[in-house]
Protein backbone atom coordinates (compact mmCIF):
# COMPACT_ATOMS: atom_id res chain seq x y z
CA UNK A 1 0.00 0.00 0.00
CA UNK A 2 1.29 3.46 -0.90
CA UNK A 3 2.13 5.61 2.11
CA UNK A 4 0.91 9.19 2.49
CA UNK A 5 3.57 11.72 3.59
CA UNK A 6 2.92 15.30 4.72
CA UNK A 7 5.89 17.56 3.92
CA UNK A 8 5.96 20.65 6.16
CA UNK A 9 8.51 23.13 4.82
CA UNK A 10 8.20 26.87 4.21
CA UNK A 11 10.97 27.14 1.60
CA UNK A 12 9.40 26.25 -1.80
CA UNK A 13 12.62 24.94 -3.40
CA UNK A 14 13.33 22.54 -0.54
CA UNK A 15 9.67 21.53 -0.29
CA UNK A 16 9.53 20.76 -4.02
CA UNK A 17 12.81 18.82 -3.84
CA UNK A 18 11.50 16.62 -1.03
CA UNK A 19 8.18 16.01 -2.79
CA UNK A 20 9.96 15.18 -6.05
CA UNK A 21 12.14 12.47 -4.52
CA UNK A 22 9.42 10.97 -2.32
CA UNK A 23 6.92 10.88 -5.19
CA UNK A 24 9.47 9.26 -7.48
CA UNK A 25 9.98 6.58 -4.86
CA UNK A 26 6.28 5.77 -4.77
CA UNK A 27 4.95 7.91 -1.90
CA UNK A 28 1.90 10.18 -2.06
CA UNK A 29 2.70 13.67 -0.81
CA UNK A 30 0.75 16.58 0.62
CA UNK A 31 2.40 19.82 1.71
CA UNK A 32 2.10 22.59 4.27
CA UNK A 33 4.10 25.81 4.51
CA UNK A 34 3.43 26.75 8.13
CA UNK A 35 2.90 25.13 11.50
CA UNK A 36 -0.78 26.05 11.65
CA UNK A 37 -1.40 24.66 8.17
CA UNK A 38 0.41 21.45 9.12
CA UNK A 39 -1.81 20.90 12.16
CA UNK A 40 -4.93 21.51 10.08
CA UNK A 41 -3.85 19.05 7.39
CA UNK A 42 -2.92 16.31 9.85
CA UNK A 43 -6.20 16.67 11.71
CA UNK A 44 -8.28 16.65 8.53
CA UNK A 45 -6.63 13.49 7.20
CA UNK A 46 -3.83 11.91 9.20
CA UNK A 47 -0.82 10.98 7.02
CA UNK A 48 1.34 7.90 7.50
CA UNK A 49 4.34 10.13 8.27
CA UNK A 50 5.24 13.82 8.63
CA UNK A 51 8.50 15.37 7.39
CA UNK A 52 8.59 18.45 9.63
CA UNK A 53 10.89 21.47 9.31
CA UNK A 54 11.93 23.00 12.64
CA UNK A 55 12.02 26.66 11.53
CA UNK A 56 8.49 27.54 10.41
CA UNK A 57 6.46 30.76 10.37
CA UNK A 58 3.72 31.30 12.96
CA UNK A 59 4.52 28.15 14.92
CA UNK A 60 7.85 26.28 14.93
CA UNK A 61 8.27 22.57 14.34
CA UNK A 62 8.85 21.77 18.01
CA UNK A 63 5.46 23.22 18.90
CA UNK A 64 3.79 21.38 16.02
CA UNK A 65 5.40 18.15 17.22
CA UNK A 66 4.30 18.81 20.81
CA UNK A 67 0.70 19.42 19.77
CA UNK A 68 0.57 16.34 17.54
CA UNK A 69 1.95 14.16 20.32
CA UNK A 70 -0.47 15.67 22.81
CA UNK A 71 -3.56 14.82 20.77
CA UNK A 72 -4.62 11.13 21.02
CA UNK A 73 -5.90 11.29 17.43
CA UNK A 74 -2.45 12.20 16.06
CA UNK A 75 -0.07 10.96 18.76
CA UNK A 76 0.95 7.91 16.76
CA UNK A 77 1.84 9.67 13.49
CA UNK A 78 5.60 9.21 12.85
CA UNK A 79 7.61 12.45 12.54
CA UNK A 80 10.98 13.10 10.92
CA UNK A 81 12.29 16.52 11.95
CA UNK A 82 14.20 18.45 9.31
CA UNK A 83 16.21 21.55 10.15
CA UNK A 84 19.19 23.73 9.31
CA UNK A 85 20.10 23.74 12.99
CA UNK A 86 22.85 21.22 13.64
CA UNK A 87 23.23 21.88 17.36
CA UNK A 88 23.01 18.70 19.43
CA UNK A 89 20.70 20.44 21.91
CA UNK A 90 18.11 21.07 19.16
CA UNK A 91 18.34 17.44 18.08
CA UNK A 92 17.87 16.17 21.62
CA UNK A 93 14.94 18.53 22.27
CA UNK A 94 13.28 17.41 19.03
CA UNK A 95 13.64 13.75 19.90
CA UNK A 96 12.48 14.30 23.46
CA UNK A 97 9.45 16.16 22.13
CA UNK A 98 8.50 12.98 20.29
CA UNK A 99 10.15 13.11 16.86
CA UNK A 100 11.04 9.65 15.52
CA UNK A 101 14.12 10.81 13.62
CA UNK A 102 16.12 13.97 12.94
CA UNK A 103 17.90 15.05 9.73
CA UNK A 104 19.98 18.21 9.39
CA UNK A 105 20.22 20.46 6.35
CA UNK A 106 21.81 20.26 3.88
CA UNK A 107 20.66 16.69 3.41
CA UNK A 108 20.89 13.97 0.80
CA UNK A 109 17.47 13.29 -0.79
CA UNK A 110 18.38 9.59 -0.95
CA UNK A 111 19.10 9.57 2.78
CA UNK A 112 15.79 11.28 3.49
CA UNK A 113 13.88 8.69 1.45
CA UNK A 114 15.77 5.89 3.21
CA UNK A 115 14.91 7.37 6.62
CA UNK A 116 11.25 7.74 5.67
CA UNK A 117 11.13 4.06 4.74
CA UNK A 118 12.99 3.04 7.92
CA UNK A 119 10.67 5.03 10.20
CA UNK A 120 7.60 3.61 8.45
CA UNK A 121 8.97 0.08 8.87
CA UNK A 122 9.42 0.66 12.59
CA UNK A 123 5.98 2.24 12.90
CA UNK A 124 4.20 -0.52 10.98
CA UNK A 125 6.32 -3.67 11.37
CA UNK A 126 3.52 -5.99 10.28
CA UNK A 127 3.23 -4.32 6.90
CA UNK A 128 6.84 -5.06 6.00
CA UNK A 129 6.38 -8.80 6.50
CA UNK A 130 3.10 -9.30 4.73
CA UNK A 131 2.71 -11.31 1.54
CA UNK A 132 2.05 -9.46 -1.68
CA UNK A 133 0.47 -11.05 -4.67
CA UNK A 134 -1.91 -11.12 -7.59
CA UNK A 135 -3.32 -14.02 -9.56
CA UNK A 136 -1.06 -17.00 -9.05
CA UNK A 137 1.95 -14.90 -8.02
CA UNK A 138 2.80 -14.52 -4.33
CA UNK A 139 5.78 -12.71 -2.78
CA UNK A 140 6.57 -13.18 0.91
CA UNK A 141 8.78 -10.30 2.08
CA UNK A 142 9.54 -11.92 5.45
CA UNK A 143 10.81 -15.20 4.02
CA UNK A 144 12.05 -13.66 0.75
CA UNK A 145 10.17 -16.32 -1.20
CA UNK A 146 8.22 -16.06 -4.46
CA UNK A 147 5.76 -18.69 -5.63
CA UNK A 148 3.80 -19.08 -8.87
CA UNK A 149 0.74 -21.32 -8.63
CA UNK A 150 2.17 -22.68 -5.38
CA UNK A 151 5.57 -23.49 -6.89
CA UNK A 152 8.67 -21.75 -5.49
CA UNK A 153 10.48 -19.69 -8.11
CA UNK A 154 14.16 -18.83 -7.66
CA UNK A 155 14.83 -15.14 -8.33
CA UNK A 156 18.01 -13.11 -8.12
CA UNK A 157 18.01 -10.30 -5.52
CA UNK A 158 17.39 -7.67 -8.23
CA UNK A 159 14.56 -9.72 -9.78
CA UNK A 160 12.98 -10.09 -6.33
CA UNK A 161 13.24 -6.33 -5.66
CA UNK A 162 11.83 -5.58 -9.11
CA UNK A 163 8.82 -7.85 -8.58
CA UNK A 164 8.36 -6.41 -5.07
CA UNK A 165 8.22 -2.86 -6.47
CA UNK A 166 5.72 -3.84 -9.17
CA UNK A 167 3.43 -5.69 -6.76
CA UNK A 168 3.63 -2.98 -4.12
CA UNK A 169 2.51 -0.40 -6.69
CA UNK A 170 -0.91 -2.07 -6.72
CA UNK A 171 -1.54 -1.78 -10.47
CA UNK A 172 0.07 1.65 -10.94
CA UNK A 173 2.51 2.17 -13.81
CA UNK A 174 6.14 2.50 -12.72
CA UNK A 175 8.55 4.31 -15.02
CA UNK A 176 11.98 2.94 -15.87
CA UNK A 177 13.47 5.90 -14.01
CA UNK A 178 11.51 5.04 -10.87
CA UNK A 179 12.60 1.40 -11.05
CA UNK A 180 16.24 2.40 -11.60
CA UNK A 181 16.04 4.51 -8.46
CA UNK A 182 14.05 2.03 -6.36
CA UNK A 183 15.82 -1.22 -7.32
CA UNK A 184 19.30 -0.09 -8.39
CA UNK A 185 19.61 3.10 -6.33
CA UNK A 186 20.28 5.39 -9.29
CA UNK A 187 18.66 8.82 -9.16
CA UNK A 188 19.14 9.59 -12.87
CA UNK A 189 18.40 7.30 -15.79
CA UNK A 190 21.58 8.38 -17.58
CA UNK A 191 23.72 6.99 -14.76
CA UNK A 192 23.11 3.42 -15.92
CA UNK A 193 22.26 1.70 -19.18
CA UNK A 194 18.49 2.08 -19.53
CA UNK A 195 18.17 -1.38 -21.07
CA UNK A 196 19.03 -2.85 -17.67
CA UNK A 197 15.40 -2.61 -16.54
CA UNK A 198 14.11 -4.14 -19.78
CA UNK A 199 16.56 -7.05 -19.55
CA UNK A 200 15.57 -7.82 -15.95
CA UNK A 201 11.87 -7.55 -16.82
CA UNK A 202 12.38 -10.07 -19.62
CA UNK A 203 14.15 -12.50 -17.28
CA UNK A 204 11.49 -12.02 -14.60
CA UNK A 205 8.70 -12.74 -17.08
CA UNK A 206 10.41 -15.94 -18.14
CA UNK A 207 10.58 -17.13 -14.53
CA UNK A 208 6.92 -16.31 -13.87
CA UNK A 209 5.90 -18.71 -16.63
CA UNK A 210 2.11 -18.77 -17.09
CA UNK A 211 1.79 -15.51 -15.15
CA UNK A 212 4.29 -13.55 -17.28
CA UNK A 213 1.41 -11.72 -19.00
CA UNK A 214 0.74 -9.85 -15.77
CA UNK A 215 3.81 -7.67 -16.29
CA UNK A 216 2.47 -5.28 -18.91
CA UNK A 217 4.64 -2.91 -20.92
CA UNK A 218 3.18 0.58 -21.14
CA UNK A 219 4.83 1.97 -24.25
CA UNK A 220 6.87 5.08 -23.66
CA UNK A 221 6.17 5.01 -19.92
CA UNK A 222 7.27 1.84 -18.11
CA UNK A 223 5.74 -1.28 -16.60
CA UNK A 224 2.67 -2.31 -14.60
CA UNK A 225 1.75 -5.51 -12.79
CA UNK A 226 -1.81 -6.42 -13.77
CA UNK A 227 -3.72 -7.26 -10.61
CA UNK A 228 -6.99 -8.38 -12.25
């Protein structure tokens, strides 16, 4: 299931950068530019995680964090605090206020995405061990096992990660660029031969046998795992 992330950041360039990288990695994003707006958005529809800047207009991130933790309806929402302040005291105060993680600016977008995933795994441990599947294909993330019509299929680590990404997308189309970033860790398509994805898709289809038709090629866009 796709996770919903609220990005609270008053600087448009940084906000757009965060949204760009999270969206490319499969997250849904909403945004807020102030502390008051963040509280309103969380209370109207609680996200799965909040990326929260410390220095905000009207109400700073520490106060937003305090209010979210003090409300039973939002107390369990994971929070990653993001700030230009690198002082250890600020980090400790943020964590003591209830933040789940803390990342200083300037930051690596890849590290932020990795921390978002890590915090979500800790917050929802059951979701990371569930089985994914469609038709006769089943992928068990806990045991790292894939079966087709009940038969275990041996996949390479990259093939497993590729199938995991396609199944997790729930029928959405994933671009080659997204898959390069998600499976191979490359942020730009020109950093690696683009045919790599196509070659791995071809090998994965061959191993899925009768279910190979479920991996559909969307011309000029990427690939989708047919769930129906």
